[in-house]
Amino acid sequence: MRVYYDRDADVNLIKTKKVAIVGYGSQGHAHANNLRDSGVKDIVVALRPGSGSAAKAEGAGFKVMSPADAAQWADVVMVLTPDEGHADLWEQHLRDNMKQGAALAVAHGLSLHFNLVKPREDLDVFMVAPKGPGHLVRTEYVRGAGVPSLLAIHQDSTGNAHDIGLSYSCANGGGRAGIIETTMKEECETDLFGEQVVLCGGLSALIQAGFETLTEAGYAPEMAYFECVHEVKLIVDLIYENGLAGMRYSVSNTAEYGDYTRGPRVIDASVKARMKEILGEIQRGEFAREFVLENKAGQPSFLAKRRIGAEHELEVIGERLRGMMPWIAENAIIDKSKN
């Protein structure tokens, strides 16, 4: 595995390019501001007409253009919009407007790996994927650090795709923490697996099941929230800083013994077998197909699940308890009025 740092890149290369950031959500906000702070002077934000993000981008001092106009202007077009819209964005706004020999970039490989987007042969195509949400990418950059990032070259038509991608990633702060070279396939499939099985799907389901088990047994929902939700951050921070062994060193002997003896009863061989099933669905393109069809249908199931999840007792109790801890809001990474 090859890892790059600022010293390995021509950090000035991206400063010679006209860069269009398509989208100004979590990642778009981070990339645009980080690149500008790194010295990229010719940078615009591309948004569809009427986008609610336009005021945020303009408020941050960026020129806003339509995706088609930005594609005609830019040397590097970084697409940071939701995966489900990439195919239409490419077909309707980017494909026929990007310059000959320009670079198309993404921060996640789904649309390219599963052929939802088929780039023109004259384009360089690469991925720069910070391993963290955009709000963290920006916060770490501002404090002088960075988030480890992935770099993958999908198409190298000019012979410069790797150098441009590496320079871009460094300007986004990745070179401060380490830029790992990978492939679209590896990034896409492992990223989807991690999100679904551990980081979002697995953890969310585990938290909710634990909360419900305690409340259904008659325990106060406030106690269930603290034990199954609030303290997750404390444990995750220990794992993040020191690994599983370091976390176990920090907790009590009681907690450590319960970890060894009860954890495997919750996450047993049957759970691992289902993990393998889900990985197979990802590898065969079944999840990508399902996700695309869900979005073409107008997201009926997706939006219903989002609504039902937001109405869960855990969310109601959590909002009230977080309001009793003002330091949480004071140190919050997300500010919806800006990012």
Protein backbone atom coordinates (compact mmCIF):
# COMPACT_ATOMS: atom_id res chain seq x y z
CA MET A 1 0.00 0.00 0.00
CA ARG A 2 1.49 3.32 -1.10
CA VAL A 3 0.98 6.31 1.18
CA TYR A 4 1.74 9.89 0.10
CA TYR A 5 2.26 13.09 2.08
CA ASP A 6 2.63 16.76 1.16
CA ARG A 7 6.34 16.24 0.55
CA ASP A 8 5.56 13.68 -2.18
CA ALA A 9 3.33 15.97 -4.24
CA ASP A 10 3.64 19.04 -6.41
CA VAL A 11 1.39 21.03 -4.10
CA ASN A 12 1.43 23.99 -6.48
CA LEU A 13 0.04 22.06 -9.47
CA ILE A 14 -3.61 22.39 -8.47
CA LYS A 15 -3.07 26.14 -7.97
CA THR A 16 -2.52 26.49 -11.72
CA LYS A 17 -5.92 24.94 -12.50
CA LYS A 18 -9.43 26.30 -12.72
CA VAL A 19 -11.43 24.17 -10.28
CA ALA A 20 -15.20 23.73 -10.18
CA ILE A 21 -16.73 22.18 -7.07
CA VAL A 22 -20.13 20.75 -8.00
CA GLY A 23 -22.27 20.81 -4.89
CA TYR A 24 -21.96 22.74 -1.64
CA GLY A 25 -23.09 20.27 0.98
CA SER A 26 -20.92 18.70 3.65
CA GLN A 27 -18.05 17.68 1.33
CA GLY A 28 -18.49 20.53 -1.16
CA HIS A 29 -18.25 23.14 1.57
CA ALA A 30 -15.07 21.52 2.92
CA HIS A 31 -13.30 21.03 -0.41
CA ALA A 32 -14.08 24.52 -1.70
CA ASN A 33 -12.92 26.30 1.44
CA ASN A 34 -9.87 24.09 1.97
CA LEU A 35 -8.66 24.49 -1.62
CA ARG A 36 -9.11 28.26 -1.47
CA ASP A 37 -7.24 28.45 1.82
CA SER A 38 -4.46 26.37 0.22
CA GLY A 39 -3.99 28.97 -2.50
CA VAL A 40 -6.28 27.82 -5.33
CA LYS A 41 -7.44 31.16 -6.69
CA ASP A 42 -9.58 30.13 -9.68
CA ILE A 43 -12.37 28.22 -7.96
CA VAL A 44 -16.14 28.28 -8.39
CA VAL A 45 -19.07 26.40 -6.91
CA ALA A 46 -21.46 24.82 -9.40
CA LEU A 47 -25.10 24.49 -8.36
CA ARG A 48 -28.38 23.92 -10.13
CA PRO A 49 -30.60 27.03 -10.55
CA GLY A 50 -32.59 27.64 -7.39
CA SER A 51 -30.33 25.59 -5.14
CA GLY A 52 -30.73 26.39 -1.48
CA SER A 53 -26.95 26.11 -1.10
CA ALA A 54 -26.27 29.09 -3.38
CA ALA A 55 -26.70 31.62 -0.57
CA LYS A 56 -24.27 29.67 1.63
CA ALA A 57 -21.65 29.49 -1.12
CA GLU A 58 -22.01 33.15 -2.06
CA GLY A 59 -21.97 34.09 1.62
CA ALA A 60 -18.61 32.34 1.88
CA GLY A 61 -17.31 34.44 -1.00
CA PHE A 62 -17.55 31.93 -3.87
CA LYS A 63 -18.80 32.63 -7.36
CA VAL A 64 -21.71 30.34 -8.19
CA MET A 65 -22.23 29.02 -11.72
CA SER A 66 -24.51 26.45 -13.32
CA PRO A 67 -22.95 22.98 -13.70
CA ALA A 68 -22.87 23.32 -17.50
CA ASP A 69 -21.17 26.73 -17.44
CA ALA A 70 -18.71 25.57 -14.77
CA ALA A 71 -17.85 22.50 -16.86
CA GLN A 72 -16.99 24.68 -19.86
CA TRP A 73 -14.80 26.93 -17.70
CA ALA A 74 -12.95 24.45 -15.47
CA ASP A 75 -9.83 22.35 -15.85
CA VAL A 76 -10.87 20.14 -12.92
CA VAL A 77 -14.51 19.33 -12.13
CA MET A 78 -14.98 17.74 -8.70
CA VAL A 79 -18.45 16.21 -8.30
CA LEU A 80 -19.58 16.33 -4.67
CA THR A 81 -23.31 15.82 -5.09
CA PRO A 82 -25.26 12.76 -3.88
CA ASP A 83 -24.41 9.55 -5.74
CA GLU A 84 -27.96 9.04 -6.99
CA GLY A 85 -27.80 12.18 -9.12
CA HIS A 86 -24.42 11.60 -10.79
CA ALA A 87 -25.74 9.91 -13.93
CA ASP A 88 -28.20 12.70 -14.76
CA LEU A 89 -25.66 15.38 -13.86
CA TRP A 90 -23.12 13.81 -16.20
CA GLU A 91 -25.51 13.24 -19.10
CA GLN A 92 -27.32 16.57 -18.91
CA HIS A 93 -24.64 19.04 -17.82
CA LEU A 94 -21.06 17.74 -17.84
CA ARG A 95 -20.48 15.23 -20.66
CA ASP A 96 -20.81 17.62 -23.59
CA ASN A 97 -19.46 20.69 -21.81
CA MET A 98 -16.19 19.66 -20.20
CA LYS A 99 -13.01 20.80 -21.93
CA GLN A 100 -10.95 18.40 -24.01
CA GLY A 101 -8.36 16.84 -21.68
CA ALA A 102 -9.93 18.19 -18.49
CA ALA A 103 -10.20 16.16 -15.29
CA LEU A 104 -13.37 14.70 -13.80
CA ALA A 105 -13.09 13.93 -10.08
CA VAL A 106 -15.31 12.30 -7.48
CA ALA A 107 -15.08 11.61 -3.75
CA HIS A 108 -16.75 8.19 -3.92
CA GLY A 109 -16.43 5.58 -6.63
CA LEU A 110 -19.98 4.21 -6.84
CA SER A 111 -21.11 5.97 -10.02
CA LEU A 112 -17.91 5.11 -11.88
CA HIS A 113 -17.33 1.59 -10.56
CA PHE A 114 -20.88 0.52 -11.38
CA ASN A 115 -20.90 2.36 -14.74
CA LEU A 116 -23.63 4.85 -13.89
CA VAL A 117 -21.26 7.43 -15.39
CA LYS A 118 -19.24 6.55 -18.49
CA PRO A 119 -16.56 9.27 -18.90
CA ARG A 120 -15.33 10.52 -22.26
CA GLU A 121 -12.06 8.91 -23.30
CA ASP A 122 -10.20 12.22 -23.49
CA LEU A 123 -10.73 13.03 -19.81
CA ASP A 124 -8.60 12.27 -16.79
CA VAL A 125 -10.77 10.67 -14.12
CA PHE A 126 -9.72 10.29 -10.49
CA MET A 127 -11.10 9.98 -7.00
CA VAL A 128 -10.03 11.91 -3.92
CA ALA A 129 -11.93 10.49 -0.95
CA PRO A 130 -11.30 11.94 2.53
CA LYS A 131 -12.07 9.26 5.13
CA GLY A 132 -14.47 11.37 7.11
CA PRO A 133 -17.57 13.54 6.68
CA GLY A 134 -17.06 16.95 5.13
CA HIS A 135 -17.60 18.84 8.36
CA LEU A 136 -14.70 16.94 9.91
CA VAL A 137 -12.56 17.47 6.79
CA ARG A 138 -12.99 21.22 7.18
CA THR A 139 -12.57 21.29 10.97
CA GLU A 140 -9.34 19.28 10.84
CA TYR A 141 -7.95 21.47 8.07
CA VAL A 142 -8.68 24.67 9.99
CA ARG A 143 -6.86 23.41 13.07
CA GLY A 144 -3.79 22.65 10.95
CA ALA A 145 -4.32 18.90 10.62
CA GLY A 146 -6.03 16.77 8.00
CA VAL A 147 -8.13 13.68 7.38
CA PRO A 148 -6.52 10.60 5.79
CA SER A 149 -7.65 10.36 2.17
CA LEU A 150 -7.81 7.84 -0.64
CA LEU A 151 -6.58 8.44 -4.19
CA ALA A 152 -7.63 6.28 -7.14
CA ILE A 153 -7.00 6.81 -10.85
CA HIS A 154 -9.87 5.58 -13.02
CA GLN A 155 -8.65 6.99 -16.33
CA ASP A 156 -5.34 8.68 -17.19
CA SER A 157 -5.77 10.19 -20.65
CA THR A 158 -3.21 12.99 -20.33
CA GLY A 159 -0.64 11.15 -18.21
CA ASN A 160 -1.12 13.74 -15.46
CA ALA A 161 -4.12 12.34 -13.60
CA HIS A 162 -2.08 11.01 -10.69
CA ASP A 163 -0.14 14.24 -10.19
CA ILE A 164 -3.28 16.39 -10.37
CA GLY A 165 -5.21 14.12 -8.03
CA LEU A 166 -2.37 14.03 -5.52
CA SER A 167 -1.99 17.81 -5.63
CA TYR A 168 -5.74 18.27 -5.17
CA SER A 169 -5.81 15.92 -2.20
CA CYS A 170 -2.94 17.79 -0.54
CA ALA A 171 -4.73 21.10 -1.03
CA ASN A 172 -7.72 19.55 0.73
CA GLY A 173 -5.56 18.62 3.73
CA GLY A 174 -5.11 14.94 2.94
CA GLY A 175 -1.32 15.17 2.61
CA ARG A 176 -1.03 16.24 6.23
CA ALA A 177 -2.46 12.93 7.44
CA GLY A 178 -1.62 10.54 4.59
CA ILE A 179 -3.04 9.80 1.14
CA ILE A 180 -3.49 6.10 0.46
CA GLU A 181 -3.47 4.90 -3.14
CA THR A 182 -6.27 2.46 -3.97
CA THR A 183 -8.71 1.53 -6.74
CA MET A 184 -12.30 2.59 -7.44
CA LYS A 185 -13.42 -1.00 -6.83
CA GLU A 186 -11.72 -1.33 -3.47
CA GLU A 187 -12.85 2.08 -2.21
CA CYS A 188 -16.42 1.71 -3.40
CA GLU A 189 -17.07 -1.80 -2.14
CA THR A 190 -15.33 -1.41 1.23
CA ASP A 191 -16.93 2.00 1.79
CA LEU A 192 -20.44 0.70 1.13
CA PHE A 193 -19.78 -2.33 3.33
CA GLY A 194 -18.46 -0.22 6.21
CA GLU A 195 -21.40 2.18 6.03
CA GLN A 196 -24.04 -0.53 5.90
CA VAL A 197 -22.65 -3.16 8.25
CA VAL A 198 -20.67 -1.23 10.88
CA LEU A 199 -20.57 2.57 10.83
CA CYS A 200 -24.16 3.57 10.04
CA GLY A 201 -26.39 0.53 9.61
CA GLY A 202 -24.78 -1.78 12.15
CA LEU A 203 -24.11 0.82 14.82
CA SER A 204 -27.50 2.52 14.47
CA ALA A 205 -29.35 -0.79 14.69
CA LEU A 206 -27.25 -1.91 17.68
CA ILE A 207 -27.88 1.37 19.53
CA GLN A 208 -31.61 1.31 18.84
CA ALA A 209 -31.98 -2.36 19.82
CA GLY A 210 -30.13 -1.76 23.09
CA PHE A 211 -32.24 1.31 23.89
CA GLU A 212 -35.47 -0.57 23.18
CA THR A 213 -34.40 -3.60 25.23
CA LEU A 214 -33.87 -1.45 28.33
CA THR A 215 -37.02 0.65 27.95
CA GLU A 216 -39.17 -2.42 27.23
CA ALA A 217 -37.81 -3.94 30.45
CA GLY A 218 -39.09 -0.92 32.38
CA TYR A 219 -35.94 1.16 32.72
CA ALA A 220 -36.14 4.94 32.35
CA PRO A 221 -35.56 6.05 28.75
CA GLU A 222 -33.14 8.67 30.03
CA MET A 223 -30.97 5.95 31.55
CA ALA A 224 -31.25 3.87 28.40
CA TYR A 225 -30.14 6.86 26.32
CA PHE A 226 -27.05 7.50 28.42
CA GLU A 227 -26.00 3.84 28.46
CA CYS A 228 -26.72 3.01 24.80
CA VAL A 229 -26.26 6.32 22.96
CA HIS A 230 -24.45 9.05 24.86
CA GLU A 231 -21.54 6.92 26.01
CA VAL A 232 -20.90 5.51 22.53
CA LYS A 233 -18.80 8.57 21.75
CA LEU A 234 -16.63 8.00 24.81
CA ILE A 235 -15.85 4.43 23.74
CA VAL A 236 -15.40 5.33 20.07
CA ASP A 237 -12.95 8.10 20.97
CA LEU A 238 -10.86 5.60 22.94
CA ILE A 239 -10.88 3.14 20.02
CA TYR A 240 -10.05 5.95 17.57
CA GLU A 241 -7.05 7.02 19.61
CA ASN A 242 -5.76 3.68 20.90
CA GLY A 243 -7.48 0.76 19.15
CA LEU A 244 -9.62 -1.91 20.79
CA ALA A 245 -6.83 -2.94 23.18
CA GLY A 246 -6.35 0.67 24.28
CA MET A 247 -10.07 1.06 24.89
CA ARG A 248 -10.07 -2.10 26.99
CA TYR A 249 -7.11 -0.76 28.97
CA SER A 250 -9.13 2.36 29.85
CA VAL A 251 -12.47 0.85 30.87
CA SER A 252 -13.14 -1.05 34.09
CA ASN A 253 -12.33 -4.73 34.51
CA THR A 254 -16.07 -5.36 34.72
CA ALA A 255 -16.64 -3.71 31.36
CA GLU A 256 -13.67 -5.48 29.80
CA TYR A 257 -14.81 -8.91 31.00
CA GLY A 258 -18.33 -8.24 29.71
CA ASP A 259 -16.79 -7.21 26.38
CA TYR A 260 -14.99 -10.54 25.98
CA THR A 261 -17.76 -12.80 27.22
CA ARG A 262 -21.02 -11.13 26.09
CA GLY A 263 -20.01 -9.25 22.94
CA PRO A 264 -19.54 -12.43 20.86
CA ARG A 265 -23.01 -13.60 21.94
CA VAL A 266 -24.52 -10.46 20.41
CA ILE A 267 -22.34 -10.38 17.30
CA ASP A 268 -22.11 -14.12 16.64
CA ALA A 269 -21.36 -16.29 13.62
CA SER A 270 -24.85 -15.74 12.20
CA VAL A 271 -24.27 -11.97 12.17
CA LYS A 272 -20.97 -12.44 10.36
CA ALA A 273 -22.73 -14.68 7.81
CA ARG A 274 -25.23 -11.89 7.12
CA MET A 275 -22.34 -9.45 6.76
CA LYS A 276 -20.97 -11.70 4.02
CA GLU A 277 -24.39 -11.75 2.33
CA ILE A 278 -24.47 -7.96 2.30
CA LEU A 279 -20.91 -7.79 0.93
CA GLY A 280 -21.98 -10.12 -1.88
CA GLU A 281 -24.93 -7.86 -2.72
CA ILE A 282 -22.54 -4.92 -2.93
CA GLN A 283 -20.00 -6.77 -5.09
CA ARG A 284 -22.66 -7.99 -7.52
CA GLY A 285 -24.09 -4.50 -7.98
CA GLU A 286 -27.40 -5.44 -6.37
CA PHE A 287 -27.29 -2.64 -3.81
CA ALA A 288 -26.37 -0.07 -6.48
CA ARG A 289 -29.28 -1.23 -8.65
CA GLU A 290 -31.69 -1.10 -5.70
CA PHE A 291 -30.51 2.37 -4.72
CA VAL A 292 -30.80 3.72 -8.26
CA LEU A 293 -34.33 2.32 -8.69
CA GLU A 294 -35.40 3.70 -5.30
CA ASN A 295 -34.31 7.16 -6.37
CA LYS A 296 -35.90 6.91 -9.82
CA ALA A 297 -39.17 6.09 -8.04
CA GLY A 298 -38.92 9.27 -5.96
CA GLN A 299 -37.40 7.76 -2.78
CA PRO A 300 -40.73 6.59 -1.21
CA SER A 301 -39.19 3.94 1.04
CA PHE A 302 -36.08 6.01 1.83
CA LEU A 303 -38.06 9.06 2.93
CA ALA A 304 -40.50 6.96 4.96
CA LYS A 305 -37.64 5.27 6.82
CA ARG A 306 -36.04 8.66 7.49
CA ARG A 307 -39.32 10.00 8.92
CA ILE A 308 -39.98 6.92 11.07
CA GLY A 309 -36.42 6.98 12.41
CA ALA A 310 -36.70 10.65 13.36
CA GLU A 311 -39.90 9.95 15.32
CA HIS A 312 -38.35 7.20 17.49
CA GLU A 313 -38.44 7.75 21.25
CA LEU A 314 -34.65 7.65 21.29
CA GLU A 315 -34.56 10.85 19.20
CA VAL A 316 -37.12 12.65 21.35
CA ILE A 317 -35.33 11.79 24.60
CA GLY A 318 -31.94 12.51 23.07
CA GLU A 319 -32.88 16.00 21.91
CA ARG A 320 -34.09 16.89 25.41
CA LEU A 321 -31.02 15.47 27.14
CA ARG A 322 -28.59 17.15 24.73
CA GLY A 323 -30.35 20.43 25.50
CA MET A 324 -29.30 19.94 29.13
CA MET A 325 -25.65 19.72 28.04
CA PRO A 326 -24.93 23.07 26.32
CA TRP A 327 -21.27 22.23 25.77
CA ILE A 328 -22.31 19.72 23.11
CA ALA A 329 -23.86 22.44 20.94
CA GLU A 330 -20.98 24.81 21.65
CA ASN A 331 -18.50 22.31 20.22
CA ALA A 332 -20.72 21.02 17.40
CA ILE A 333 -19.04 20.40 14.05
CA ILE A 334 -22.22 20.94 12.00
CA ASP A 335 -23.71 24.41 11.52
CA LYS A 336 -26.60 24.03 9.08
CA SER A 337 -26.69 27.77 8.38
CA LYS A 338 -23.16 27.61 6.91
CA ASN A 339 -22.49 24.02 5.94
